[in-house]
PDB file of N, CA and C in Angstrom:
ATOM      1  N   MET A   1     -29.755  26.194 -24.961  1.00  0.00           N
ATOM      2  CA  MET A   1     -30.398  25.500 -23.632  1.00  0.00           C
ATOM      3  C   MET A   1     -30.693  26.793 -22.530  1.00  0.00           C
ATOM      4  N   LYS A   2     -31.953  26.854 -22.012  1.00  0.00           N
ATOM      5  CA  LYS A   2     -32.363  27.795 -21.170  1.00  0.00           C
ATOM      6  C   LYS A   2     -31.981  27.268 -19.815  1.00  0.00           C
ATOM      7  N   THR A   3     -31.496  28.173 -18.993  1.00  0.00           N
ATOM      8  CA  THR A   3     -31.312  27.790 -17.753  1.00  0.00           C
ATOM      9  C   THR A   3     -32.129  28.577 -16.724  1.00  0.00           C
ATOM     10  N   LYS A   4     -32.107  28.473 -15.335  1.00  0.00           N
ATOM     11  CA  LYS A   4     -33.166  29.362 -14.616  1.00  0.00           C
ATOM     12  C   LYS A   4     -32.788  30.725 -14.154  1.00  0.00           C
ATOM     13  N   ASN A   5     -31.597  31.075 -15.032  1.00  0.00           N
ATOM     14  CA  ASN A   5     -31.005  32.456 -14.832  1.00  0.00           C
ATOM     15  C   ASN A   5     -31.068  33.305 -16.128  1.00  0.00           C
ATOM     16  N   THR A   6     -32.042  32.454 -17.189  1.00  0.00           N
ATOM     17  CA  THR A   6     -32.164  33.255 -18.428  1.00  0.00           C
ATOM     18  C   THR A   6     -33.618  33.641 -18.384  1.00  0.00           C
ATOM     19  N   CYS A   7     -33.428  35.024 -18.912  1.00  0.00           N
ATOM     20  CA  CYS A   7     -34.964  35.822 -19.069  1.00  0.00           C
ATOM     21  C   CYS A   7     -35.651  34.678 -19.896  1.00  0.00           C
ATOM     22  N   PRO A   8     -36.920  34.541 -19.565  1.00  0.00           N
ATOM     23  CA  PRO A   8     -37.805  33.839 -20.490  1.00  0.00           C
ATOM     24  C   PRO A   8     -38.597  34.797 -21.602  1.00  0.00           C
ATOM     25  N   ILE A   9     -38.398  36.088 -21.326  1.00  0.00           N
ATOM     26  CA  ILE A   9     -38.837  37.306 -22.174  1.00  0.00           C
ATOM     27  C   ILE A   9     -37.723  37.492 -23.465  1.00  0.00           C
ATOM     28  N   CYS A  10     -36.395  37.646 -22.941  1.00  0.00           N
ATOM     29  CA  CYS A  10     -35.754  38.141 -23.974  1.00  0.00           C
ATOM     30  C   CYS A  10     -34.330  37.337 -24.050  1.00  0.00           C
ATOM     31  N   GLY A  11     -34.190  36.578 -23.516  1.00  0.00           N
ATOM     32  CA  GLY A  11     -32.908  35.634 -23.313  1.00  0.00           C
ATOM     33  C   GLY A  11     -31.807  36.056 -22.274  1.00  0.00           C
ATOM     34  N   GLY A  12     -31.946  37.258 -22.066  1.00  0.00           N
ATOM     35  CA  GLY A  12     -30.643  37.901 -21.351  1.00  0.00           C
ATOM     36  C   GLY A  12     -30.722  37.183 -19.842  1.00  0.00           C
ATOM     37  N   THR A  13     -29.733  37.604 -19.233  1.00  0.00           N
ATOM     38  CA  THR A  13     -29.388  36.923 -17.722  1.00  0.00           C
ATOM     39  C   THR A  13     -30.036  37.707 -16.554  1.00  0.00           C
ATOM     40  N   LYS A  14     -30.821  37.035 -15.887  1.00  0.00           N
ATOM     41  CA  LYS A  14     -31.057  37.321 -14.567  1.00  0.00           C
ATOM     42  C   LYS A  14     -30.148  37.423 -13.639  1.00  0.00           C
ATOM     43  N   THR A  15     -29.942  38.644 -12.879  1.00  0.00           N
ATOM     44  CA  THR A  15     -29.051  38.736 -11.890  1.00  0.00           C
ATOM     45  C   THR A  15     -29.667  39.326 -10.817  1.00  0.00           C
ATOM     46  N   GLN A  16     -29.105  39.039  -9.345  1.00  0.00           N
ATOM     47  CA  GLN A  16     -29.451  39.693  -8.424  1.00  0.00           C
ATOM     48  C   GLN A  16     -29.337  41.230  -8.249  1.00  0.00           C
ATOM     49  N   GLY A  17     -30.572  41.933  -7.876  1.00  0.00           N
ATOM     50  CA  GLY A  17     -30.332  43.276  -7.860  1.00  0.00           C
ATOM     51  C   GLY A  17     -31.583  43.756  -7.098  1.00  0.00           C
ATOM     52  N   THR A  18     -32.137  44.775  -7.320  1.00  0.00           N
ATOM     53  CA  THR A  18     -33.267  45.561  -6.894  1.00  0.00           C
ATOM     54  C   THR A  18     -34.074  46.214  -7.798  1.00  0.00           C
ATOM     55  N   THR A  19     -35.452  46.177  -7.221  1.00  0.00           N
ATOM     56  CA  THR A  19     -36.657  46.722  -8.225  1.00  0.00           C
ATOM     57  C   THR A  19     -37.364  47.756  -7.462  1.00  0.00           C
ATOM     58  N   THR A  20     -38.365  48.445  -7.864  1.00  0.00           N
ATOM     59  CA  THR A  20     -39.333  49.227  -7.426  1.00  0.00           C
ATOM     60  C   THR A  20     -40.596  48.630  -7.461  1.00  0.00           C
ATOM     61  N   PHE A  21     -41.404  48.442  -6.442  1.00  0.00           N
ATOM     62  CA  PHE A  21     -42.564  47.763  -6.623  1.00  0.00           C
ATOM     63  C   PHE A  21     -43.982  48.784  -6.268  1.00  0.00           C
ATOM     64  N   THR A  22     -44.928  48.873  -7.114  1.00  0.00           N
ATOM     65  CA  THR A  22     -46.049  49.599  -6.782  1.00  0.00           C
ATOM     66  C   THR A  22     -47.278  48.998  -6.717  1.00  0.00           C
ATOM     67  N   ALA A  23     -48.237  49.643  -6.075  1.00  0.00           N
ATOM     68  CA  ALA A  23     -49.437  48.877  -6.165  1.00  0.00           C
ATOM     69  C   ALA A  23     -50.648  50.120  -5.970  1.00  0.00           C
ATOM     70  N   ASP A  24     -51.568  49.934  -6.803  1.00  0.00           N
ATOM     71  CA  ASP A  24     -52.640  50.712  -6.988  1.00  0.00           C
ATOM     72  C   ASP A  24     -53.834  50.493  -5.969  1.00  0.00           C
ATOM     73  N   LEU A  25     -53.928  51.219  -4.766  1.00  0.00           N
ATOM     74  CA  LEU A  25     -55.161  50.750  -3.903  1.00  0.00           C
ATOM     75  C   LEU A  25     -56.256  51.378  -4.262  1.00  0.00           C
ATOM     76  N   GLY A  26     -56.615  52.267  -5.227  1.00  0.00           N
ATOM     77  CA  GLY A  26     -57.661  52.740  -5.830  1.00  0.00           C
ATOM     78  C   GLY A  26     -57.649  54.332  -5.127  1.00  0.00           C
ATOM     79  N   PHE A  27     -57.654  54.339  -3.955  1.00  0.00           N
ATOM     80  CA  PHE A  27     -57.609  55.664  -3.505  1.00  0.00           C
ATOM     81  C   PHE A  27     -56.305  56.432  -3.312  1.00  0.00           C
ATOM     82  N   GLY A  28     -55.137  55.595  -3.618  1.00  0.00           N
ATOM     83  CA  GLY A  28     -53.921  55.861  -3.659  1.00  0.00           C
ATOM     84  C   GLY A  28     -53.012  54.956  -4.116  1.00  0.00           C
ATOM     85  N   VAL A  29     -51.754  55.240  -4.014  1.00  0.00           N
ATOM     86  CA  VAL A  29     -50.561  54.383  -4.220  1.00  0.00           C
ATOM     87  C   VAL A  29     -49.634  53.950  -3.296  1.00  0.00           C
ATOM     88  N   VAL A  30     -49.029  52.891  -3.585  1.00  0.00           N
ATOM     89  CA  VAL A  30     -47.928  52.540  -2.375  1.00  0.00           C
ATOM     90  C   VAL A  30     -46.794  52.209  -3.375  1.00  0.00           C
ATOM     91  N   VAL A  31     -45.684  52.905  -3.122  1.00  0.00           N
ATOM     92  CA  VAL A  31     -44.462  52.861  -3.688  1.00  0.00           C
ATOM     93  C   VAL A  31     -43.625  52.237  -2.962  1.00  0.00           C
ATOM     94  N   VAL A  32     -42.706  50.930  -3.184  1.00  0.00           N
ATOM     95  CA  VAL A  32     -41.836  50.444  -2.252  1.00  0.00           C
ATOM     96  C   VAL A  32     -40.471  50.082  -2.865  1.00  0.00           C
ATOM     97  N   ARG A  33     -39.342  51.024  -2.497  1.00  0.00           N
ATOM     98  CA  ARG A  33     -38.049  51.067  -3.231  1.00  0.00           C
ATOM     99  C   ARG A  33     -37.037  50.013  -2.665  1.00  0.00           C
ATOM    100  N   ASN A  34     -36.086  49.670  -3.688  1.00  0.00           N
ATOM    101  CA  ASN A  34     -35.021  48.989  -3.178  1.00  0.00           C
ATOM    102  C   ASN A  34     -35.185  47.261  -2.782  1.00  0.00           C
ATOM    103  N   VAL A  35     -36.277  46.913  -3.347  1.00  0.00           N
ATOM    104  CA  VAL A  35     -37.001  45.521  -3.262  1.00  0.00           C
ATOM    105  C   VAL A  35     -36.026  44.521  -3.911  1.00  0.00           C
ATOM    106  N   PRO A  36     -35.212  43.677  -3.242  1.00  0.00           N
ATOM    107  CA  PRO A  36     -34.479  42.473  -3.668  1.00  0.00           C
ATOM    108  C   PRO A  36     -35.177  41.742  -4.702  1.00  0.00           C
ATOM    109  N   ALA A  37     -34.543  41.710  -5.805  1.00  0.00           N
ATOM    110  CA  ALA A  37     -35.234  40.919  -7.219  1.00  0.00           C
ATOM    111  C   ALA A  37     -34.280  40.154  -8.015  1.00  0.00           C
ATOM    112  N   LEU A  38     -34.518  39.309  -8.753  1.00  0.00           N
ATOM    113  CA  LEU A  38     -33.840  38.895  -9.789  1.00  0.00           C
ATOM    114  C   LEU A  38     -34.013  39.854 -10.954  1.00  0.00           C
ATOM    115  N   VAL A  39     -32.968  40.584 -11.806  1.00  0.00           N
ATOM    116  CA  VAL A  39     -33.330  41.448 -12.648  1.00  0.00           C
ATOM    117  C   VAL A  39     -32.625  41.286 -14.190  1.00  0.00           C
ATOM    118  N   CYS A  40     -33.359  41.204 -15.017  1.00  0.00           N
ATOM    119  CA  CYS A  40     -32.863  40.746 -16.287  1.00  0.00           C
ATOM    120  C   CYS A  40     -31.769  42.106 -16.673  1.00  0.00           C
ATOM    121  N   ASP A  41     -30.640  41.677 -17.133  1.00  0.00           N
ATOM    122  CA  ASP A  41     -29.554  42.605 -17.400  1.00  0.00           C
ATOM    123  C   ASP A  41     -29.833  43.111 -18.863  1.00  0.00           C
ATOM    124  N   GLN A  42     -30.723  42.570 -19.626  1.00  0.00           N
ATOM    125  CA  GLN A  42     -31.096  43.106 -20.979  1.00  0.00           C
ATOM    126  C   GLN A  42     -32.372  43.757 -21.178  1.00  0.00           C
ATOM    127  N   CYS A  43     -33.679  43.437 -20.573  1.00  0.00           N
ATOM    128  CA  CYS A  43     -34.845  44.167 -20.802  1.00  0.00           C
ATOM    129  C   CYS A  43     -35.151  44.701 -19.468  1.00  0.00           C
ATOM    130  N   GLY A  44     -34.804  44.260 -18.394  1.00  0.00           N
ATOM    131  CA  GLY A  44     -34.905  44.987 -16.990  1.00  0.00           C
ATOM    132  C   GLY A  44     -36.011  44.150 -16.191  1.00  0.00           C
ATOM    133  N   ALA A  45     -36.682  43.237 -16.831  1.00  0.00           N
ATOM    134  CA  ALA A  45     -37.837  42.365 -16.145  1.00  0.00           C
ATOM    135  C   ALA A  45     -37.412  42.085 -14.998  1.00  0.00           C
ATOM    136  N   ASP A  46     -38.312  41.863 -13.716  1.00  0.00           N
ATOM    137  CA  ASP A  46     -37.911  41.473 -12.685  1.00  0.00           C
ATOM    138  C   ASP A  46     -38.732  40.376 -11.989  1.00  0.00           C
ATOM    139  N   TRP A  47     -38.103  39.680 -10.838  1.00  0.00           N
ATOM    140  CA  TRP A  47     -38.798  38.685 -10.510  1.00  0.00           C
ATOM    141  C   TRP A  47     -38.545  38.576  -9.035  1.00  0.00           C
ATOM    142  N   ILE A  48     -39.504  38.437  -8.038  1.00  0.00           N
ATOM    143  CA  ILE A  48     -39.414  38.827  -6.729  1.00  0.00           C
ATOM    144  C   ILE A  48     -39.686  37.403  -5.969  1.00  0.00           C
ATOM    145  N   ALA A  49     -38.837  37.199  -5.220  1.00  0.00           N
ATOM    146  CA  ALA A  49     -38.986  35.723  -4.307  1.00  0.00           C
ATOM    147  C   ALA A  49     -40.597  35.813  -3.587  1.00  0.00           C
ATOM    148  N   ASP A  50     -40.886  34.641  -3.319  1.00  0.00           N
ATOM    149  CA  ASP A  50     -41.915  34.332  -2.383  1.00  0.00           C
ATOM    150  C   ASP A  50     -41.859  35.123  -1.118  1.00  0.00           C
ATOM    151  N   GLU A  51     -40.795  34.836  -0.428  1.00  0.00           N
ATOM    152  CA  GLU A  51     -40.930  35.411   1.088  1.00  0.00           C
ATOM    153  C   GLU A  51     -40.656  37.135   0.927  1.00  0.00           C
ATOM    154  N   THR A  52     -39.934  37.519  -0.115  1.00  0.00           N
ATOM    155  CA  THR A  52     -40.077  39.073  -0.440  1.00  0.00           C
ATOM    156  C   THR A  52     -41.616  39.612  -0.806  1.00  0.00           C
ATOM    157  N   ALA A  53     -42.270  38.839  -1.520  1.00  0.00           N
ATOM    158  CA  ALA A  53     -43.749  39.079  -2.083  1.00  0.00           C
ATOM    159  C   ALA A  53     -44.671  39.203  -0.539  1.00  0.00           C
ATOM    160  N   GLU A  54     -44.292  38.114   0.129  1.00  0.00           N
ATOM    161  CA  GLU A  54     -45.233  38.034   1.683  1.00  0.00           C
ATOM    162  C   GLU A  54     -44.720  39.386   2.174  1.00  0.00           C
ATOM    163  N   ARG A  55     -43.782  40.030   2.471  1.00  0.00           N
ATOM    164  CA  ARG A  55     -43.360  41.239   3.299  1.00  0.00           C
ATOM    165  C   ARG A  55     -43.943  42.448   2.368  1.00  0.00           C
ATOM    166  N   LEU A  56     -43.787  42.043   1.122  1.00  0.00           N
ATOM    167  CA  LEU A  56     -44.666  43.434   0.489  1.00  0.00           C
ATOM    168  C   LEU A  56     -46.189  43.445   0.619  1.00  0.00           C
ATOM    169  N   GLU A  57     -46.593  42.490   0.783  1.00  0.00           N
ATOM    170  CA  GLU A  57     -48.164  42.414   1.127  1.00  0.00           C
ATOM    171  C   GLU A  57     -48.504  42.823   2.547  1.00  0.00           C
ATOM    172  N   SER A  58     -47.639  42.656   3.306  1.00  0.00           N
ATOM    173  CA  SER A  58     -47.451  43.572   4.615  1.00  0.00           C
ATOM    174  C   SER A  58     -47.318  44.664   4.607  1.00  0.00           C
ATOM    175  N   THR A  59     -46.313  45.263   3.839  1.00  0.00           N
ATOM    176  CA  THR A  59     -46.110  46.795   3.595  1.00  0.00           C
ATOM    177  C   THR A  59     -47.336  47.371   2.908  1.00  0.00           C
ATOM    178  N   VAL A  60     -47.957  46.704   2.186  1.00  0.00           N
ATOM    179  CA  VAL A  60     -49.077  47.299   1.237  1.00  0.00           C
ATOM    180  C   VAL A  60     -50.297  47.486   2.372  1.00  0.00           C
ATOM    181  N   ASN A  61     -50.586  46.296   3.040  1.00  0.00           N
ATOM    182  CA  ASN A  61     -51.786  46.314   4.037  1.00  0.00           C
ATOM    183  C   ASN A  61     -51.599  47.344   5.033  1.00  0.00           C
ATOM    184  N   GLU A  62     -50.274  47.797   5.457  1.00  0.00           N
ATOM    185  CA  GLU A  62     -50.199  48.705   6.518  1.00  0.00           C
ATOM    186  C   GLU A  62     -50.288  50.211   5.845  1.00  0.00           C
ATOM    187  N   ALA A  63     -49.713  50.075   4.458  1.00  0.00           N
ATOM    188  CA  ALA A  63     -50.191  51.629   3.784  1.00  0.00           C
ATOM    189  C   ALA A  63     -51.775  51.774   3.613  1.00  0.00           C
ATOM    190  N   ARG A  64     -52.274  50.511   3.377  1.00  0.00           N
ATOM    191  CA  ARG A  64     -53.979  50.756   3.206  1.00  0.00           C
ATOM    192  C   ARG A  64     -54.617  51.470   4.373  1.00  0.00           C
ATOM    193  N   GLN A  65     -54.039  50.895   5.488  1.00  0.00           N
ATOM    194  CA  GLN A  65     -54.562  51.337   6.847  1.00  0.00           C
ATOM    195  C   GLN A  65     -54.142  52.656   7.115  1.00  0.00           C
ATOM    196  N   ARG A  66     -53.138  53.151   6.693  1.00  0.00           N
ATOM    197  CA  ARG A  66     -52.971  54.659   6.670  1.00  0.00           C
ATOM    198  C   ARG A  66     -53.806  55.545   5.846  1.00  0.00           C
ATOM    199  N   HIS A  67     -53.939  55.121   4.657  1.00  0.00           N
ATOM    200  CA  HIS A  67     -55.161  55.652   3.995  1.00  0.00           C
ATOM    201  C   HIS A  67     -54.709  57.012   3.331  1.00  0.00           C
ATOM    202  N   ARG A  68     -53.091  56.867   2.907  1.00  0.00           N
ATOM    203  CA  ARG A  68     -52.724  57.953   1.956  1.00  0.00           C
ATOM    204  C   ARG A  68     -52.805  57.949   0.620  1.00  0.00           C
ATOM    205  N   GLN A  69     -52.956  59.232  -0.032  1.00  0.00           N
ATOM    206  CA  GLN A  69     -52.963  58.914  -1.642  1.00  0.00           C
ATOM    207  C   GLN A  69     -51.655  58.392  -1.885  1.00  0.00           C
ATOM    208  N   VAL A  70     -50.417  58.831  -1.753  1.00  0.00           N
ATOM    209  CA  VAL A  70     -49.033  58.540  -1.835  1.00  0.00           C
ATOM    210  C   VAL A  70     -48.394  57.799  -0.654  1.00  0.00           C
ATOM    211  N   ASP A  71     -47.774  56.823  -0.773  1.00  0.00           N
ATOM    212  CA  ASP A  71     -46.899  56.173   0.324  1.00  0.00           C
ATOM    213  C   ASP A  71     -45.886  55.669   0.096  1.00  0.00           C
ATOM    214  N   VAL A  72     -44.683  56.317   0.114  1.00  0.00           N
ATOM    215  CA  VAL A  72     -43.299  55.685  -0.653  1.00  0.00           C
ATOM    216  C   VAL A  72     -42.637  55.450   0.740  1.00  0.00           C
ATOM    217  N   THR A  73     -42.112  54.086   0.651  1.00  0.00           N
ATOM    218  CA  THR A  73     -41.110  53.532   1.464  1.00  0.00           C
ATOM    219  C   THR A  73     -39.926  52.915   0.832  1.00  0.00           C
ATOM    220  N   ALA A  74     -39.106  52.474   1.854  1.00  0.00           N
ATOM    221  CA  ALA A  74     -38.053  51.486   1.237  1.00  0.00           C
ATOM    222  C   ALA A  74     -38.249  50.053   1.819  1.00  0.00           C
ATOM    223  N   TYR A  75     -38.004  49.032   1.057  1.00  0.00           N
ATOM    224  CA  TYR A  75     -38.243  47.861   1.527  1.00  0.00           C
ATOM    225  C   TYR A  75     -37.470  47.533   2.894  1.00  0.00           C
ATOM    226  N   VAL A  76     -38.147  46.921   3.731  1.00  0.00           N
ATOM    227  CA  VAL A  76     -37.415  46.376   4.986  1.00  0.00           C
ATOM    228  C   VAL A  76     -37.706  44.888   5.432  1.00  0.00           C
ATOM    229  N   PRO A  77     -36.329  44.148   5.194  1.00  0.00           N
ATOM    230  CA  PRO A  77     -36.572  42.822   5.317  1.00  0.00           C
ATOM    231  C   PRO A  77     -36.984  42.454   6.677  1.00  0.00           C
ATOM    232  N   ALA A  78     -37.781  41.306   6.791  1.00  0.00           N
ATOM    233  CA  ALA A  78     -38.306  40.756   7.805  1.00  0.00           C
ATOM    234  C   ALA A  78     -37.349  40.704   8.932  1.00  0.00           C
TER     235      ALA A  78
END
């Protein structure tokens, strides 16, 4: 029986951790480190909560306005 903490990809266990989020803006790349996520302990797949994704969207939009080729930042909770 699979639970909500079972990875649908490999069957491993999803545990609270962090991941690195990247977005290609066409003219550059945004990298956000230390993003809270559920991470599979077996295959490394990750799942980001909706509220975290909304904050990431704001971070990407801010980086888009700066128009840098590479923008690396740490995740900052709202």
